[in-house]
N, C-alpha and C. Protein backbone atom coordinates (compact mmCIF):
# COMPACT_ATOMS: atom_id res chain seq x y z
N MET A 1 108.83 106.93 129.60
CA MET A 1 109.94 106.24 128.96
C MET A 1 109.73 106.28 127.45
N SER A 2 110.67 106.83 126.74
CA SER A 2 110.56 106.93 125.28
C SER A 2 111.16 105.69 124.63
N PRO A 3 110.67 105.34 123.43
CA PRO A 3 111.24 104.18 122.74
C PRO A 3 112.67 104.44 122.30
N GLY A 4 113.47 103.40 122.36
CA GLY A 4 114.87 103.52 121.96
C GLY A 4 115.02 103.47 120.44
N PRO A 5 116.22 103.77 119.97
CA PRO A 5 116.44 103.74 118.52
C PRO A 5 116.27 102.35 117.92
N ASP A 6 116.57 101.31 118.70
CA ASP A 6 116.40 99.96 118.17
C ASP A 6 114.93 99.65 117.88
N LEU A 7 114.03 100.11 118.75
CA LEU A 7 112.60 99.89 118.54
C LEU A 7 112.09 100.70 117.35
N ILE A 8 112.52 101.94 117.25
CA ILE A 8 112.08 102.79 116.14
C ILE A 8 112.56 102.22 114.81
N HIS A 9 113.83 101.82 114.74
CA HIS A 9 114.36 101.25 113.51
C HIS A 9 113.72 99.90 113.20
N GLY A 10 113.44 99.12 114.21
CA GLY A 10 112.80 97.82 114.00
C GLY A 10 111.39 97.95 113.46
N VAL A 11 110.63 98.87 114.01
CA VAL A 11 109.26 99.09 113.53
C VAL A 11 109.27 99.67 112.11
N ALA A 12 110.17 100.62 111.85
CA ALA A 12 110.28 101.18 110.50
C ALA A 12 110.68 100.09 109.50
N GLY A 13 111.59 99.21 109.88
CA GLY A 13 111.98 98.11 109.01
C GLY A 13 110.84 97.15 108.74
N ALA A 14 110.05 96.85 109.77
CA ALA A 14 108.90 95.97 109.58
C ALA A 14 107.86 96.60 108.65
N LEU A 15 107.66 97.90 108.79
CA LEU A 15 106.71 98.59 107.90
C LEU A 15 107.22 98.59 106.46
N LEU A 16 108.50 98.85 106.26
CA LEU A 16 109.07 98.79 104.91
C LEU A 16 108.96 97.40 104.31
N PHE A 17 109.21 96.39 105.13
CA PHE A 17 109.11 95.03 104.65
C PHE A 17 107.67 94.71 104.22
N ALA A 18 106.70 95.09 105.05
CA ALA A 18 105.30 94.83 104.72
C ALA A 18 104.87 95.59 103.47
N LEU A 19 105.31 96.83 103.34
CA LEU A 19 104.98 97.63 102.16
C LEU A 19 105.57 97.00 100.89
N GLY A 20 106.80 96.53 100.97
CA GLY A 20 107.43 95.90 99.82
C GLY A 20 106.76 94.59 99.43
N ILE A 21 106.40 93.78 100.40
CA ILE A 21 105.70 92.52 100.10
C ILE A 21 104.34 92.80 99.50
N HIS A 22 103.66 93.82 100.01
CA HIS A 22 102.36 94.21 99.44
C HIS A 22 102.52 94.59 97.97
N ALA A 23 103.52 95.40 97.65
CA ALA A 23 103.74 95.80 96.27
C ALA A 23 104.12 94.60 95.41
N LEU A 24 104.89 93.68 95.96
CA LEU A 24 105.30 92.49 95.22
C LEU A 24 104.10 91.62 94.86
N LEU A 25 103.14 91.53 95.76
CA LEU A 25 101.99 90.66 95.53
C LEU A 25 100.87 91.33 94.74
N VAL A 26 100.70 92.64 94.88
CA VAL A 26 99.55 93.32 94.30
C VAL A 26 99.82 93.87 92.91
N ARG A 27 100.98 94.41 92.68
CA ARG A 27 101.29 95.07 91.41
C ARG A 27 101.45 94.05 90.29
N GLU A 28 101.05 94.46 89.08
CA GLU A 28 101.13 93.57 87.93
C GLU A 28 102.39 93.79 87.10
N ARG A 29 102.87 94.99 87.05
CA ARG A 29 104.05 95.28 86.23
C ARG A 29 105.31 94.77 86.91
N PHE A 30 106.19 94.22 86.07
CA PHE A 30 107.39 93.59 86.61
C PHE A 30 108.31 94.59 87.30
N LEU A 31 108.44 95.78 86.74
CA LEU A 31 109.33 96.77 87.33
C LEU A 31 108.86 97.15 88.74
N ARG A 32 107.57 97.30 88.91
CA ARG A 32 107.05 97.62 90.25
C ARG A 32 107.23 96.47 91.22
N LYS A 33 107.19 95.24 90.72
CA LYS A 33 107.47 94.09 91.58
C LYS A 33 108.93 94.09 92.04
N VAL A 34 109.84 94.43 91.13
CA VAL A 34 111.26 94.50 91.50
C VAL A 34 111.48 95.61 92.52
N LEU A 35 110.83 96.75 92.31
CA LEU A 35 110.95 97.84 93.29
C LEU A 35 110.38 97.43 94.65
N GLY A 36 109.27 96.71 94.65
CA GLY A 36 108.70 96.22 95.90
C GLY A 36 109.64 95.25 96.61
N LEU A 37 110.30 94.41 95.84
CA LEU A 37 111.26 93.49 96.42
C LEU A 37 112.45 94.24 97.02
N ASN A 38 112.89 95.31 96.35
CA ASN A 38 113.98 96.12 96.90
C ASN A 38 113.57 96.85 98.18
N VAL A 39 112.34 97.33 98.22
CA VAL A 39 111.85 98.00 99.44
C VAL A 39 111.78 97.01 100.60
N SER A 40 111.29 95.80 100.33
CA SER A 40 111.22 94.81 101.41
C SER A 40 112.63 94.41 101.87
N GLY A 41 113.58 94.34 100.94
CA GLY A 41 114.96 94.05 101.33
C GLY A 41 115.55 95.14 102.20
N SER A 42 115.21 96.39 101.89
CA SER A 42 115.67 97.51 102.73
C SER A 42 115.09 97.41 104.13
N GLY A 43 113.86 96.95 104.22
CA GLY A 43 113.25 96.74 105.54
C GLY A 43 113.99 95.68 106.34
N VAL A 44 114.38 94.61 105.68
CA VAL A 44 115.14 93.55 106.36
C VAL A 44 116.49 94.09 106.82
N PHE A 45 117.14 94.88 105.97
CA PHE A 45 118.42 95.46 106.37
C PHE A 45 118.26 96.36 107.60
N LEU A 46 117.19 97.14 107.63
CA LEU A 46 116.95 98.03 108.76
C LEU A 46 116.67 97.23 110.04
N ILE A 47 115.97 96.13 109.91
CA ILE A 47 115.72 95.27 111.07
C ILE A 47 117.03 94.67 111.58
N LEU A 48 117.90 94.27 110.67
CA LEU A 48 119.19 93.71 111.09
C LEU A 48 120.04 94.76 111.81
N VAL A 49 120.02 95.98 111.32
CA VAL A 49 120.77 97.05 111.99
C VAL A 49 120.18 97.31 113.37
N ALA A 50 118.86 97.28 113.48
CA ALA A 50 118.22 97.47 114.79
C ALA A 50 118.57 96.33 115.74
N ALA A 51 118.71 95.12 115.21
CA ALA A 51 119.05 93.98 116.06
C ALA A 51 120.49 94.07 116.58
N ALA A 52 121.32 94.80 115.88
CA ALA A 52 122.73 94.93 116.29
C ALA A 52 122.92 95.93 117.42
N TYR A 53 121.89 96.72 117.72
CA TYR A 53 122.01 97.78 118.74
C TYR A 53 122.18 97.16 120.12
N ARG A 54 123.08 97.76 120.90
CA ARG A 54 123.29 97.36 122.29
C ARG A 54 123.19 98.60 123.17
N GLU A 55 122.69 98.41 124.36
CA GLU A 55 122.57 99.53 125.30
C GLU A 55 123.95 100.07 125.69
N GLU A 56 124.86 99.17 125.95
CA GLU A 56 126.19 99.58 126.37
C GLU A 56 127.23 98.97 125.43
N GLY A 57 128.18 99.76 125.05
CA GLY A 57 129.25 99.27 124.20
C GLY A 57 128.92 99.42 122.72
N PRO A 58 129.85 98.98 121.90
CA PRO A 58 129.66 99.11 120.45
C PRO A 58 128.60 98.12 119.95
N PRO A 59 128.02 98.38 118.80
CA PRO A 59 127.02 97.45 118.26
C PRO A 59 127.68 96.15 117.78
N ASP A 60 126.87 95.14 117.65
CA ASP A 60 127.34 93.84 117.18
C ASP A 60 127.75 93.95 115.72
N PRO A 61 128.98 93.58 115.35
CA PRO A 61 129.43 93.76 113.96
C PRO A 61 128.88 92.72 112.98
N VAL A 62 128.41 91.59 113.47
CA VAL A 62 127.96 90.53 112.56
C VAL A 62 126.73 90.96 111.75
N PRO A 63 125.67 91.53 112.35
CA PRO A 63 124.55 91.99 111.52
C PRO A 63 124.95 93.07 110.53
N HIS A 64 125.89 93.93 110.89
CA HIS A 64 126.35 94.96 109.96
C HIS A 64 127.06 94.33 108.76
N ALA A 65 127.85 93.29 109.02
CA ALA A 65 128.51 92.58 107.91
C ALA A 65 127.47 91.88 107.03
N MET A 66 126.42 91.36 107.64
CA MET A 66 125.36 90.71 106.87
C MET A 66 124.63 91.73 105.99
N VAL A 67 124.43 92.94 106.51
CA VAL A 67 123.78 93.99 105.72
C VAL A 67 124.65 94.38 104.53
N LEU A 68 125.94 94.54 104.74
CA LEU A 68 126.84 94.89 103.64
C LEU A 68 126.84 93.81 102.56
N THR A 69 126.88 92.56 102.98
CA THR A 69 126.83 91.46 102.02
C THR A 69 125.48 91.44 101.31
N GLY A 70 124.41 91.68 102.05
CA GLY A 70 123.08 91.71 101.46
C GLY A 70 122.90 92.82 100.45
N LEU A 71 123.54 93.96 100.70
CA LEU A 71 123.46 95.06 99.74
C LEU A 71 124.10 94.68 98.41
N VAL A 72 125.23 94.00 98.47
CA VAL A 72 125.90 93.57 97.24
C VAL A 72 125.02 92.57 96.49
N VAL A 73 124.45 91.63 97.21
CA VAL A 73 123.57 90.64 96.59
C VAL A 73 122.32 91.31 96.02
N ALA A 74 121.77 92.28 96.74
CA ALA A 74 120.55 92.97 96.27
C ALA A 74 120.81 93.75 94.99
N VAL A 75 121.96 94.41 94.89
CA VAL A 75 122.28 95.15 93.67
C VAL A 75 122.44 94.19 92.50
N SER A 76 123.11 93.06 92.73
CA SER A 76 123.29 92.07 91.66
C SER A 76 121.96 91.46 91.24
N ALA A 77 121.11 91.13 92.20
CA ALA A 77 119.81 90.55 91.87
C ALA A 77 118.92 91.55 91.14
N THR A 78 119.00 92.82 91.52
CA THR A 78 118.22 93.85 90.84
C THR A 78 118.69 94.02 89.40
N ALA A 79 119.98 94.00 89.18
CA ALA A 79 120.51 94.10 87.81
C ALA A 79 120.06 92.92 86.97
N LEU A 80 120.08 91.72 87.53
CA LEU A 80 119.62 90.54 86.80
C LEU A 80 118.13 90.64 86.50
N ALA A 81 117.34 91.07 87.48
CA ALA A 81 115.89 91.19 87.28
C ALA A 81 115.57 92.23 86.21
N LEU A 82 116.27 93.35 86.22
CA LEU A 82 116.03 94.37 85.20
C LEU A 82 116.42 93.89 83.81
N ALA A 83 117.51 93.12 83.72
CA ALA A 83 117.89 92.56 82.43
C ALA A 83 116.85 91.57 81.93
N LEU A 84 116.30 90.77 82.83
CA LEU A 84 115.25 89.82 82.44
C LEU A 84 113.97 90.54 82.02
N ILE A 85 113.63 91.61 82.72
CA ILE A 85 112.45 92.40 82.34
C ILE A 85 112.64 92.99 80.96
N ARG A 86 113.82 93.49 80.69
CA ARG A 86 114.10 94.06 79.37
C ARG A 86 114.01 93.00 78.28
N ARG A 87 114.52 91.81 78.57
CA ARG A 87 114.45 90.71 77.60
C ARG A 87 113.00 90.30 77.36
N ILE A 88 112.22 90.17 78.41
CA ILE A 88 110.80 89.82 78.26
C ILE A 88 110.08 90.88 77.43
N HIS A 89 110.40 92.12 77.70
CA HIS A 89 109.78 93.23 76.97
C HIS A 89 110.11 93.17 75.48
N SER A 90 111.35 92.83 75.14
CA SER A 90 111.73 92.77 73.73
C SER A 90 111.14 91.54 73.04
N VAL A 91 111.02 90.42 73.75
CA VAL A 91 110.46 89.21 73.16
C VAL A 91 108.96 89.34 72.93
N GLU A 92 108.27 89.95 73.87
CA GLU A 92 106.82 90.08 73.77
C GLU A 92 106.40 91.24 72.88
N GLY A 93 107.33 91.99 72.37
CA GLY A 93 106.99 93.08 71.45
C GLY A 93 106.35 94.27 72.12
N GLY A 94 106.74 94.57 73.33
CA GLY A 94 106.24 95.77 73.99
C GLY A 94 104.96 95.56 74.78
N HIS A 95 104.48 94.32 74.87
CA HIS A 95 103.27 94.06 75.67
C HIS A 95 103.60 94.24 77.14
N ARG A 96 102.75 94.96 77.83
CA ARG A 96 102.93 95.17 79.27
C ARG A 96 101.77 94.56 80.00
N PRO A 97 102.04 93.75 81.05
CA PRO A 97 100.94 93.23 81.84
C PRO A 97 100.15 94.36 82.48
N GLY A 98 98.88 94.22 82.54
CA GLY A 98 98.03 95.26 83.15
C GLY A 98 97.50 96.24 82.14
N GLY A 99 97.81 96.06 80.87
CA GLY A 99 97.24 96.91 79.83
C GLY A 99 97.90 98.25 79.69
N GLY A 100 99.02 98.52 80.41
CA GLY A 100 99.65 99.83 80.35
C GLY A 100 100.78 99.86 79.49
């Protein structure tokens, strides 16, 4: 018995989420933290899509609507985070955490 697409997508989403959280906690530079947060968000979206899978019939539309809404929120939050990083960079005079 081979694993179904819901299991494959769920495991891939969990791995993406873990990888993003790891980058968020370990990395010192703000841009890499934002990228880690985006990767973990993509993992959550993939898990939601996997949860919508049904053996028979069409998939559940509610998780798909949540993913679409989450994508809009993620793009807005990323734009805000990048603007804040740019502001911090200009106020601190080019100092980068981590010595780089």
